[in-house]
């Protein structure tokens, strides 16, 4: 970000920003923090019985065929 840019709204714990020019140690510290957060965040998409594919705070409705394909390696 430029020195005069307004700070963005943070919408995710796996997101960060820095104003430019940025000192290398500051950038490395932010990267290390993001790596730590990412390694402790275990989140995988889940498909529920109603055919909703959920990931974090988002979801999408799958068609019956898409739902079966998403369960390809599972017993049906």
PDB file of N, CA and C in Angstrom:
ATOM      1  N   UNK A   1       0.833  -1.171   0.000  1.00  0.00           N
ATOM      2  CA  UNK A   1       0.000   0.000   0.000  1.00  0.00           C
ATOM      3  C   UNK A   1       0.879   1.236   0.000  1.00  0.00           C
ATOM      4  N   UNK A   2       0.403   2.258  -0.618  1.00  0.00           N
ATOM      5  CA  UNK A   2       1.127   3.516  -0.620  1.00  0.00           C
ATOM      6  C   UNK A   2       1.030   4.204   0.728  1.00  0.00           C
ATOM      7  N   UNK A   3       1.934   5.137   0.994  1.00  0.00           N
ATOM      8  CA  UNK A   3       1.967   5.792   2.302  1.00  0.00           C
ATOM      9  C   UNK A   3       0.703   6.579   2.629  1.00  0.00           C
ATOM     10  N   UNK A   4      -0.031   7.017   1.635  1.00  0.00           N
ATOM     11  CA  UNK A   4      -1.241   7.808   1.876  1.00  0.00           C
ATOM     12  C   UNK A   4      -2.528   6.996   1.742  1.00  0.00           C
ATOM     13  N   UNK A   5      -2.413   5.731   1.405  1.00  0.00           N
ATOM     14  CA  UNK A   5      -3.606   4.896   1.226  1.00  0.00           C
ATOM     15  C   UNK A   5      -4.303   4.657   2.556  1.00  0.00           C
ATOM     16  N   UNK A   6      -5.635   4.667   2.550  1.00  0.00           N
ATOM     17  CA  UNK A   6      -6.349   4.350   3.789  1.00  0.00           C
ATOM     18  C   UNK A   6      -6.202   2.860   4.104  1.00  0.00           C
ATOM     19  N   UNK A   7      -6.193   2.494   5.365  1.00  0.00           N
ATOM     20  CA  UNK A   7      -6.064   1.073   5.700  1.00  0.00           C
ATOM     21  C   UNK A   7      -7.296   0.303   5.234  1.00  0.00           C
ATOM     22  N   UNK A   8      -7.092  -0.890   4.696  1.00  0.00           N
ATOM     23  CA  UNK A   8      -8.233  -1.688   4.242  1.00  0.00           C
ATOM     24  C   UNK A   8      -8.950  -2.331   5.425  1.00  0.00           C
ATOM     25  N   UNK A   9     -10.195  -2.720   5.191  1.00  0.00           N
ATOM     26  CA  UNK A   9     -10.911  -3.491   6.198  1.00  0.00           C
ATOM     27  C   UNK A   9     -10.363  -4.909   6.174  1.00  0.00           C
ATOM     28  N   UNK A  10      -9.966  -5.411   7.326  1.00  0.00           N
ATOM     29  CA  UNK A  10      -9.496  -6.795   7.400  1.00  0.00           C
ATOM     30  C   UNK A  10     -10.713  -7.699   7.484  1.00  0.00           C
ATOM     31  N   UNK A  11     -10.794  -8.653   6.567  1.00  0.00           N
ATOM     32  CA  UNK A  11     -11.946  -9.544   6.558  1.00  0.00           C
ATOM     33  C   UNK A  11     -11.577 -10.982   6.890  1.00  0.00           C
ATOM     34  N   UNK A  12     -10.304 -11.255   7.069  1.00  0.00           N
ATOM     35  CA  UNK A  12      -9.886 -12.626   7.290  1.00  0.00           C
ATOM     36  C   UNK A  12      -8.650 -12.635   8.176  1.00  0.00           C
ATOM     37  N   UNK A  13      -8.542 -13.639   9.038  1.00  0.00           N
ATOM     38  CA  UNK A  13      -7.360 -13.748   9.897  1.00  0.00           C
ATOM     39  C   UNK A  13      -6.123 -14.143   9.105  1.00  0.00           C
ATOM     40  N   UNK A  14      -6.319 -14.600   7.865  1.00  0.00           N
ATOM     41  CA  UNK A  14      -5.185 -14.975   7.021  1.00  0.00           C
ATOM     42  C   UNK A  14      -4.837 -13.871   6.036  1.00  0.00           C
ATOM     43  N   UNK A  15      -5.117 -12.648   6.432  1.00  0.00           N
ATOM     44  CA  UNK A  15      -4.878 -11.480   5.588  1.00  0.00           C
ATOM     45  C   UNK A  15      -4.123 -10.437   6.403  1.00  0.00           C
ATOM     46  N   UNK A  16      -3.222  -9.733   5.755  1.00  0.00           N
ATOM     47  CA  UNK A  16      -2.497  -8.648   6.411  1.00  0.00           C
ATOM     48  C   UNK A  16      -2.116  -7.634   5.344  1.00  0.00           C
ATOM     49  N   UNK A  17      -1.683  -6.479   5.767  1.00  0.00           N
ATOM     50  CA  UNK A  17      -1.267  -5.443   4.834  1.00  0.00           C
ATOM     51  C   UNK A  17      -0.152  -4.635   5.483  1.00  0.00           C
ATOM     52  N   UNK A  18       0.572  -3.919   4.646  1.00  0.00           N
ATOM     53  CA  UNK A  18       1.672  -3.094   5.139  1.00  0.00           C
ATOM     54  C   UNK A  18       1.805  -1.886   4.215  1.00  0.00           C
ATOM     55  N   UNK A  19       2.177  -0.779   4.787  1.00  0.00           N
ATOM     56  CA  UNK A  19       2.413   0.429   3.982  1.00  0.00           C
ATOM     57  C   UNK A  19       3.820   0.375   3.395  1.00  0.00           C
ATOM     58  N   UNK A  20       3.935   0.867   2.181  1.00  0.00           N
ATOM     59  CA  UNK A  20       5.232   0.922   1.512  1.00  0.00           C
ATOM     60  C   UNK A  20       5.818   2.318   1.630  1.00  0.00           C
ATOM     61  N   UNK A  21       7.103   2.452   1.776  1.00  0.00           N
ATOM     62  CA  UNK A  21       8.094   1.382   1.835  1.00  0.00           C
ATOM     63  C   UNK A  21       8.051   0.685   3.194  1.00  0.00           C
ATOM     64  N   UNK A  22       8.283  -0.597   3.188  1.00  0.00           N
ATOM     65  CA  UNK A  22       8.246  -1.396   4.413  1.00  0.00           C
ATOM     66  C   UNK A  22       9.625  -1.985   4.668  1.00  0.00           C
ATOM     67  N   UNK A  23      10.026  -1.951   5.913  1.00  0.00           N
ATOM     68  CA  UNK A  23      11.315  -2.533   6.290  1.00  0.00           C
ATOM     69  C   UNK A  23      11.220  -4.055   6.192  1.00  0.00           C
ATOM     70  N   UNK A  24      12.283  -4.682   5.730  1.00  0.00           N
ATOM     71  CA  UNK A  24      12.307  -6.131   5.552  1.00  0.00           C
ATOM     72  C   UNK A  24      11.942  -6.888   6.835  1.00  0.00           C
ATOM     73  N   UNK A  25      12.485  -6.509   8.004  1.00  0.00           N
ATOM     74  CA  UNK A  25      12.105  -7.231   9.228  1.00  0.00           C
ATOM     75  C   UNK A  25      10.606  -7.140   9.532  1.00  0.00           C
ATOM     76  N   UNK A  26       9.982  -6.007   9.217  1.00  0.00           N
ATOM     77  CA  UNK A  26       8.542  -5.867   9.440  1.00  0.00           C
ATOM     78  C   UNK A  26       7.753  -6.813   8.536  1.00  0.00           C
ATOM     79  N   UNK A  27       8.146  -6.884   7.278  1.00  0.00           N
ATOM     80  CA  UNK A  27       7.455  -7.772   6.341  1.00  0.00           C
ATOM     81  C   UNK A  27       7.644  -9.225   6.763  1.00  0.00           C
ATOM     82  N   UNK A  28       8.861  -9.581   7.140  1.00  0.00           N
ATOM     83  CA  UNK A  28       9.128 -10.960   7.575  1.00  0.00           C
ATOM     84  C   UNK A  28       8.319 -11.319   8.825  1.00  0.00           C
ATOM     85  N   UNK A  29       8.176 -10.385   9.750  1.00  0.00           N
ATOM     86  CA  UNK A  29       7.384 -10.637  10.959  1.00  0.00           C
ATOM     87  C   UNK A  29       5.922 -10.867  10.602  1.00  0.00           C
ATOM     88  N   UNK A  30       5.410 -10.092   9.676  1.00  0.00           N
ATOM     89  CA  UNK A  30       4.013 -10.270   9.248  1.00  0.00           C
ATOM     90  C   UNK A  30       3.822 -11.609   8.542  1.00  0.00           C
ATOM     91  N   UNK A  31       4.778 -11.985   7.709  1.00  0.00           N
ATOM     92  CA  UNK A  31       4.701 -13.274   7.017  1.00  0.00           C
ATOM     93  C   UNK A  31       4.734 -14.413   8.034  1.00  0.00           C
ATOM     94  N   UNK A  32       5.613 -14.316   9.019  1.00  0.00           N
ATOM     95  CA  UNK A  32       5.698 -15.358  10.050  1.00  0.00           C
ATOM     96  C   UNK A  32       4.384 -15.480  10.818  1.00  0.00           C
ATOM     97  N   UNK A  33       3.771 -14.349  11.127  1.00  0.00           N
ATOM     98  CA  UNK A  33       2.486 -14.374  11.825  1.00  0.00           C
ATOM     99  C   UNK A  33       1.413 -15.026  10.963  1.00  0.00           C
ATOM    100  N   UNK A  34       1.373 -14.686   9.684  1.00  0.00           N
ATOM    101  CA  UNK A  34       0.392 -15.296   8.783  1.00  0.00           C
ATOM    102  C   UNK A  34       0.627 -16.799   8.634  1.00  0.00           C
ATOM    103  N   UNK A  35       1.895 -17.207   8.563  1.00  0.00           N
ATOM    104  CA  UNK A  35       2.202 -18.638   8.473  1.00  0.00           C
ATOM    105  C   UNK A  35       1.724 -19.369   9.717  1.00  0.00           C
ATOM    106  N   UNK A  36       1.924 -18.760  10.896  1.00  0.00           N
ATOM    107  CA  UNK A  36       1.486 -19.369  12.146  1.00  0.00           C
ATOM    108  C   UNK A  36      -0.041 -19.496  12.168  1.00  0.00           C
ATOM    109  N   UNK A  37      -0.729 -18.441  11.771  1.00  0.00           N
ATOM    110  CA  UNK A  37      -2.195 -18.484  11.732  1.00  0.00           C
ATOM    111  C   UNK A  37      -2.684 -19.553  10.759  1.00  0.00           C
ATOM    112  N   UNK A  38      -2.053 -19.624   9.594  1.00  0.00           N
ATOM    113  CA  UNK A  38      -2.477 -20.590   8.577  1.00  0.00           C
ATOM    114  C   UNK A  38      -2.266 -22.022   9.049  1.00  0.00           C
ATOM    115  N   UNK A  39      -1.174 -22.277   9.753  1.00  0.00           N
ATOM    116  CA  UNK A  39      -0.905 -23.642  10.207  1.00  0.00           C
ATOM    117  C   UNK A  39      -1.838 -24.064  11.331  1.00  0.00           C
ATOM    118  N   UNK A  40      -2.361 -23.110  12.088  1.00  0.00           N
ATOM    119  CA  UNK A  40      -3.267 -23.455  13.183  1.00  0.00           C
ATOM    120  C   UNK A  40      -4.724 -23.436  12.747  1.00  0.00           C
ATOM    121  N   UNK A  41      -4.984 -23.013  11.528  1.00  0.00           N
ATOM    122  CA  UNK A  41      -6.347 -22.966  11.009  1.00  0.00           C
ATOM    123  C   UNK A  41      -6.602 -24.220  10.194  1.00  0.00           C
ATOM    124  N   UNK A  42      -7.355 -25.129  10.784  1.00  0.00           N
ATOM    125  CA  UNK A  42      -7.716 -26.347  10.074  1.00  0.00           C
ATOM    126  C   UNK A  42      -9.150 -26.171   9.612  1.00  0.00           C
ATOM    127  N   UNK A  43      -9.290 -25.958   8.349  1.00  0.00           N
ATOM    128  CA  UNK A  43     -10.616 -25.725   7.808  1.00  0.00           C
ATOM    129  C   UNK A  43     -10.710 -26.374   6.444  1.00  0.00           C
ATOM    130  N   UNK A  44     -11.645 -27.265   6.303  1.00  0.00           N
ATOM    131  CA  UNK A  44     -11.852 -27.874   4.996  1.00  0.00           C
ATOM    132  C   UNK A  44     -13.330 -27.785   4.652  1.00  0.00           C
ATOM    133  N   UNK A  45     -13.647 -27.776   3.391  1.00  0.00           N
ATOM    134  CA  UNK A  45     -15.053 -27.703   2.991  1.00  0.00           C
ATOM    135  C   UNK A  45     -15.823 -28.917   3.504  1.00  0.00           C
ATOM    136  N   UNK A  46     -17.088 -28.697   3.846  1.00  0.00           N
ATOM    137  CA  UNK A  46     -17.954 -29.779   4.306  1.00  0.00           C
ATOM    138  C   UNK A  46     -19.233 -29.778   3.485  1.00  0.00           C
ATOM    139  N   UNK A  47     -19.661 -30.956   3.099  1.00  0.00           N
ATOM    140  CA  UNK A  47     -20.900 -31.121   2.351  1.00  0.00           C
ATOM    141  C   UNK A  47     -21.936 -31.711   3.292  1.00  0.00           C
ATOM    142  N   UNK A  48     -23.028 -30.992   3.526  1.00  0.00           N
ATOM    143  CA  UNK A  48     -24.047 -31.500   4.448  1.00  0.00           C
ATOM    144  C   UNK A  48     -25.076 -32.352   3.707  1.00  0.00           C
ATOM    145  N   UNK A  49     -26.001 -32.925   4.459  1.00  0.00           N
ATOM    146  CA  UNK A  49     -27.000 -33.840   3.899  1.00  0.00           C
ATOM    147  C   UNK A  49     -27.950 -33.149   2.926  1.00  0.00           C
ATOM    148  N   UNK A  50     -28.064 -31.837   3.012  1.00  0.00           N
ATOM    149  CA  UNK A  50     -28.961 -31.088   2.133  1.00  0.00           C
ATOM    150  C   UNK A  50     -28.285 -30.624   0.846  1.00  0.00           C
ATOM    151  N   UNK A  51     -27.028 -31.014   0.635  1.00  0.00           N
ATOM    152  CA  UNK A  51     -26.323 -30.620  -0.579  1.00  0.00           C
ATOM    153  C   UNK A  51     -25.718 -29.235  -0.513  1.00  0.00           C
ATOM    154  N   UNK A  52     -25.536 -28.706   0.709  1.00  0.00           N
ATOM    155  CA  UNK A  52     -24.877 -27.407   0.862  1.00  0.00           C
ATOM    156  C   UNK A  52     -23.396 -27.642   1.119  1.00  0.00           C
ATOM    157  N   UNK A  53     -22.564 -27.059   0.293  1.00  0.00           N
ATOM    158  CA  UNK A  53     -21.125 -27.137   0.473  1.00  0.00           C
ATOM    159  C   UNK A  53     -20.710 -25.906   1.261  1.00  0.00           C
ATOM    160  N   UNK A  54     -20.187 -26.122   2.471  1.00  0.00           N
ATOM    161  CA  UNK A  54     -19.834 -25.021   3.368  1.00  0.00           C
ATOM    162  C   UNK A  54     -18.320 -24.948   3.537  1.00  0.00           C
ATOM    163  N   UNK A  55     -17.816 -23.726   3.525  1.00  0.00           N
ATOM    164  CA  UNK A  55     -16.400 -23.481   3.792  1.00  0.00           C
ATOM    165  C   UNK A  55     -16.302 -22.172   4.544  1.00  0.00           C
ATOM    166  N   UNK A  56     -15.811 -22.271   5.774  1.00  0.00           N
ATOM    167  CA  UNK A  56     -15.754 -21.123   6.677  1.00  0.00           C
ATOM    168  C   UNK A  56     -17.135 -20.500   6.793  1.00  0.00           C
ATOM    169  N   UNK A  57     -17.296 -19.237   6.457  1.00  0.00           N
ATOM    170  CA  UNK A  57     -18.596 -18.585   6.626  1.00  0.00           C
ATOM    171  C   UNK A  57     -19.376 -18.498   5.314  1.00  0.00           C
ATOM    172  N   UNK A  58     -19.000 -19.303   4.342  1.00  0.00           N
ATOM    173  CA  UNK A  58     -19.671 -19.250   3.036  1.00  0.00           C
ATOM    174  C   UNK A  58     -20.244 -20.609   2.677  1.00  0.00           C
ATOM    175  N   UNK A  59     -21.218 -20.609   1.793  1.00  0.00           N
ATOM    176  CA  UNK A  59     -21.816 -21.850   1.331  1.00  0.00           C
ATOM    177  C   UNK A  59     -22.333 -21.695  -0.088  1.00  0.00           C
ATOM    178  N   UNK A  60     -22.498 -22.837  -0.739  1.00  0.00           N
ATOM    179  CA  UNK A  60     -23.090 -22.879  -2.073  1.00  0.00           C
ATOM    180  C   UNK A  60     -23.954 -24.135  -2.141  1.00  0.00           C
ATOM    181  N   UNK A  61     -25.085 -24.012  -2.783  1.00  0.00           N
ATOM    182  CA  UNK A  61     -25.986 -25.144  -2.944  1.00  0.00           C
ATOM    183  C   UNK A  61     -25.571 -25.935  -4.180  1.00  0.00           C
ATOM    184  N   UNK A  62     -25.376 -27.238  -4.011  1.00  0.00           N
ATOM    185  CA  UNK A  62     -24.985 -28.089  -5.126  1.00  0.00           C
ATOM    186  C   UNK A  62     -26.204 -28.792  -5.704  1.00  0.00           C
ATOM    187  N   UNK A  63     -26.157 -29.042  -6.990  1.00  0.00           N
ATOM    188  CA  UNK A  63     -27.209 -29.837  -7.619  1.00  0.00           C
ATOM    189  C   UNK A  63     -27.064 -31.283  -7.132  1.00  0.00           C
ATOM    190  N   UNK A  64     -28.096 -32.115  -7.305  1.00  0.00           N
ATOM    191  CA  UNK A  64     -27.974 -33.518  -6.885  1.00  0.00           C
ATOM    192  C   UNK A  64     -26.781 -34.233  -7.520  1.00  0.00           C
ATOM    193  N   UNK A  65     -26.511 -33.969  -8.791  1.00  0.00           N
ATOM    194  CA  UNK A  65     -25.375 -34.614  -9.461  1.00  0.00           C
ATOM    195  C   UNK A  65     -24.061 -34.105  -8.873  1.00  0.00           C
ATOM    196  N   UNK A  66     -23.946 -32.802  -8.673  1.00  0.00           N
ATOM    197  CA  UNK A  66     -22.724 -32.240  -8.080  1.00  0.00           C
ATOM    198  C   UNK A  66     -22.510 -32.800  -6.680  1.00  0.00           C
ATOM    199  N   UNK A  67     -23.590 -32.965  -5.939  1.00  0.00           N
ATOM    200  CA  UNK A  67     -23.491 -33.505  -4.590  1.00  0.00           C
ATOM    201  C   UNK A  67     -22.951 -34.933  -4.617  1.00  0.00           C
ATOM    202  N   UNK A  68     -23.442 -35.753  -5.553  1.00  0.00           N
ATOM    203  CA  UNK A  68     -22.928 -37.116  -5.688  1.00  0.00           C
ATOM    204  C   UNK A  68     -21.462 -37.115  -6.094  1.00  0.00           C
ATOM    205  N   UNK A  69     -21.081 -36.228  -7.004  1.00  0.00           N
ATOM    206  CA  UNK A  69     -19.681 -36.143  -7.425  1.00  0.00           C
ATOM    207  C   UNK A  69     -18.784 -35.703  -6.275  1.00  0.00           C
ATOM    208  N   UNK A  70     -19.278 -34.823  -5.426  1.00  0.00           N
ATOM    209  CA  UNK A  70     -18.489 -34.369  -4.282  1.00  0.00           C
ATOM    210  C   UNK A  70     -18.250 -35.506  -3.299  1.00  0.00           C
ATOM    211  N   UNK A  71     -19.137 -36.501  -3.315  1.00  0.00           N
ATOM    212  CA  UNK A  71     -18.999 -37.671  -2.433  1.00  0.00           C
ATOM    213  C   UNK A  71     -18.453 -38.874  -3.211  1.00  0.00           C
ATOM    214  N   UNK A  72     -17.722 -38.636  -4.261  1.00  0.00           N
ATOM    215  CA  UNK A  72     -17.280 -39.675  -5.189  1.00  0.00           C
ATOM    216  C   UNK A  72     -16.633 -40.863  -4.487  1.00  0.00           C
ATOM    217  N   UNK A  73     -15.761 -40.618  -3.524  1.00  0.00           N
ATOM    218  CA  UNK A  73     -15.041 -41.703  -2.863  1.00  0.00           C
ATOM    219  C   UNK A  73     -15.768 -42.224  -1.631  1.00  0.00           C
ATOM    220  N   UNK A  74     -16.979 -41.759  -1.376  1.00  0.00           N
ATOM    221  CA  UNK A  74     -17.748 -42.193  -0.208  1.00  0.00           C
ATOM    222  C   UNK A  74     -18.814 -43.200  -0.617  1.00  0.00           C
ATOM    223  N   UNK A  75     -19.257 -43.963   0.362  1.00  0.00           N
ATOM    224  CA  UNK A  75     -20.387 -44.866   0.124  1.00  0.00           C
ATOM    225  C   UNK A  75     -21.658 -44.051   0.069  1.00  0.00           C
ATOM    226  N   UNK A  76     -22.527 -44.374  -0.861  1.00  0.00           N
ATOM    227  CA  UNK A  76     -23.813 -43.667  -0.963  1.00  0.00           C
ATOM    228  C   UNK A  76     -24.958 -44.647  -0.849  1.00  0.00           C
TER     229      UNK A  76
END
